[in-house]
Amino acid sequence: MVWDADARQVVQEAVEGKINRFRASVRLNVSLRTVQRKMKEYRERGEECFEHGNKGKAPSNKVDLDAIIAFIEEHDLSGYNFTELARLLDEYQGISISSSCLSKIQAIGKYSTYMEAFHTIMKILPWLCQNLGMEIVS
């Protein structure tokens, strides 16, 4: 249930005794027990009872993308697939992530396109320089 301004007003009226719990449950379209629970919570915590308990907290299964990208940039992983990358991340960085999650990140992120372009350029650069008569300066 979304506790919008109208729902908050109904709970407040029920706590103040302007309407009874049954009428509040009908107006909110929730069970009588839910209204009782919310009234008790409102008496104890006030307006904070309408906020979600996880507000402001990071998800417990959040993946540290910066650490994954840093690991990929530090190591030459050309020729590795997502399963191998997941194993390496778990073994050396302690980041437990599935290969399917890595492929989803790759599919929606800009990183894979950059890396694919980078590896393609690095593969053809010597040939390109040779055919154009240029030198690679490091």
Protein backbone atom coordinates (compact mmCIF):
# COMPACT_ATOMS: atom_id res chain seq x y z
CA MET A 1 0.00 0.00 0.00
CA VAL A 2 1.18 3.48 -0.78
CA TRP A 3 0.82 5.74 2.22
CA ASP A 4 0.02 8.98 0.40
CA ALA A 5 -1.30 12.17 1.99
CA ASP A 6 -4.92 10.94 2.03
CA ALA A 7 -3.98 7.65 3.72
CA ARG A 8 -1.88 9.50 6.26
CA GLN A 9 -4.83 11.78 7.02
CA VAL A 10 -7.13 8.79 7.55
CA VAL A 11 -4.68 7.16 9.98
CA GLN A 12 -4.24 10.45 11.81
CA GLU A 13 -8.03 10.85 12.12
CA ALA A 14 -8.32 7.29 13.43
CA VAL A 15 -5.64 7.94 16.05
CA GLU A 16 -7.34 11.19 17.11
CA GLY A 17 -10.69 9.36 17.42
CA LYS A 18 -12.48 11.31 14.67
CA ILE A 19 -13.25 8.06 12.83
CA ASN A 20 -13.22 4.48 14.07
CA ARG A 21 -10.78 1.79 12.91
CA PHE A 22 -13.37 -0.02 10.82
CA ARG A 23 -14.25 3.13 8.85
CA ALA A 24 -10.52 3.79 8.34
CA SER A 25 -10.02 0.26 7.00
CA VAL A 26 -12.90 0.74 4.54
CA ARG A 27 -11.59 4.14 3.37
CA LEU A 28 -8.06 2.77 2.91
CA ASN A 29 -9.23 -0.55 1.46
CA VAL A 30 -7.00 -2.51 3.86
CA SER A 31 -7.71 -4.95 6.67
CA LEU A 32 -8.66 -3.86 10.15
CA ARG A 33 -5.42 -5.39 11.45
CA THR A 34 -3.36 -3.24 9.06
CA VAL A 35 -5.08 -0.10 10.34
CA GLN A 36 -4.46 -1.18 13.95
CA ARG A 37 -0.79 -1.83 13.20
CA LYS A 38 -0.36 1.51 11.47
CA MET A 39 -2.17 3.37 14.27
CA LYS A 40 0.12 1.82 16.87
CA GLU A 41 3.17 2.66 14.78
CA TYR A 42 1.91 6.24 14.27
CA ARG A 43 1.51 6.72 18.03
CA GLU A 44 5.07 5.46 18.63
CA ARG A 45 7.00 7.04 15.76
CA GLY A 46 4.79 9.76 14.30
CA GLU A 47 5.07 10.63 10.61
CA GLU A 48 8.19 8.45 10.24
CA CYS A 49 5.99 5.35 10.29
CA PHE A 50 4.93 6.09 6.72
CA GLU A 51 8.48 5.88 5.35
CA HIS A 52 9.89 2.59 4.12
CA GLY A 53 12.29 0.90 6.52
CA ASN A 54 15.03 0.46 3.91
CA LYS A 55 14.99 4.09 2.81
CA GLY A 56 18.54 5.37 2.42
CA LYS A 57 20.17 1.93 2.68
CA ALA A 58 22.13 0.33 -0.14
CA PRO A 59 20.85 -3.05 -1.34
CA SER A 60 22.61 -6.00 0.26
CA ASN A 61 23.30 -7.57 -3.14
CA LYS A 62 24.65 -4.41 -4.78
CA VAL A 63 27.61 -5.04 -7.09
CA ASP A 64 30.64 -2.74 -6.96
CA LEU A 65 30.93 -1.92 -10.67
CA ASP A 66 33.89 0.41 -10.13
CA ALA A 67 35.93 -2.44 -8.64
CA ILE A 68 35.00 -4.75 -11.52
CA ILE A 69 35.92 -2.16 -14.15
CA ALA A 70 39.18 -1.36 -12.35
CA PHE A 71 40.07 -5.07 -12.29
CA ILE A 72 39.32 -5.42 -16.00
CA GLU A 73 41.36 -2.33 -16.87
CA GLU A 74 44.36 -3.49 -14.80
CA HIS A 75 44.55 -6.93 -16.42
CA ASP A 76 44.60 -8.01 -20.04
CA LEU A 77 41.48 -10.13 -20.26
CA SER A 78 41.20 -10.49 -24.02
CA GLY A 79 40.07 -14.00 -24.82
CA TYR A 80 38.31 -14.47 -21.49
CA ASN A 81 34.60 -15.14 -21.33
CA PHE A 82 32.18 -14.05 -18.62
CA THR A 83 32.50 -17.32 -16.69
CA GLU A 84 36.27 -16.94 -16.43
CA LEU A 85 35.94 -13.27 -15.51
CA ALA A 86 33.48 -14.17 -12.73
CA ARG A 87 35.90 -16.81 -11.41
CA LEU A 88 38.83 -14.37 -11.48
CA LEU A 89 36.84 -11.64 -9.73
CA ASP A 90 35.83 -14.07 -7.00
CA GLU A 91 39.32 -15.50 -6.61
CA TYR A 92 41.40 -12.31 -6.64
CA GLN A 93 39.01 -9.52 -5.65
CA GLY A 94 36.51 -11.37 -3.45
CA ILE A 95 33.64 -10.10 -5.62
CA SER A 96 31.07 -12.85 -6.00
CA ILE A 97 29.10 -12.26 -9.19
CA SER A 98 27.58 -14.63 -11.72
CA SER A 99 28.59 -14.77 -15.35
CA SER A 100 25.00 -14.03 -16.39
CA CYS A 101 25.05 -10.87 -14.29
CA LEU A 102 28.30 -9.82 -15.97
CA SER A 103 26.78 -10.39 -19.40
CA LYS A 104 23.74 -8.29 -18.42
CA ILE A 105 26.01 -5.50 -17.22
CA GLN A 106 27.92 -5.76 -20.50
CA ALA A 107 24.71 -5.63 -22.50
CA ILE A 108 23.42 -2.46 -20.86
CA GLY A 109 26.69 -0.68 -20.20
CA LYS A 110 28.94 1.43 -22.38
CA TYR A 111 32.02 -0.35 -21.09
CA SER A 112 31.86 -3.36 -23.41
CA THR A 113 31.68 -1.21 -26.52
CA TYR A 114 34.69 0.78 -25.39
CA MET A 115 36.69 -2.38 -24.62
CA GLU A 116 35.69 -4.06 -27.86
CA ALA A 117 36.70 -0.97 -29.82
CA PHE A 118 39.95 -0.70 -27.86
CA HIS A 119 40.90 -4.35 -28.47
CA THR A 120 39.98 -4.10 -32.15
CA ILE A 121 42.12 -0.98 -32.57
CA MET A 122 45.05 -2.58 -30.75
CA LYS A 123 44.82 -5.64 -33.02
CA ILE A 124 44.83 -3.68 -36.27
CA LEU A 125 47.14 -0.85 -35.18
CA PRO A 126 50.44 -2.51 -36.21
CA TRP A 127 49.02 -3.47 -39.60
CA LEU A 128 47.53 0.00 -40.07
CA CYS A 129 50.79 1.74 -39.16
CA GLN A 130 52.79 -0.53 -41.45
CA ASN A 131 50.50 0.10 -44.42
CA LEU A 132 50.37 3.85 -43.83
CA GLY A 133 54.12 4.11 -43.28
CA MET A 134 53.80 5.33 -39.72
CA GLU A 135 55.69 4.43 -36.57
CA ILE A 136 54.19 3.55 -33.20
CA VAL A 137 55.63 5.96 -30.65
CA SER A 138 55.35 4.98 -27.02
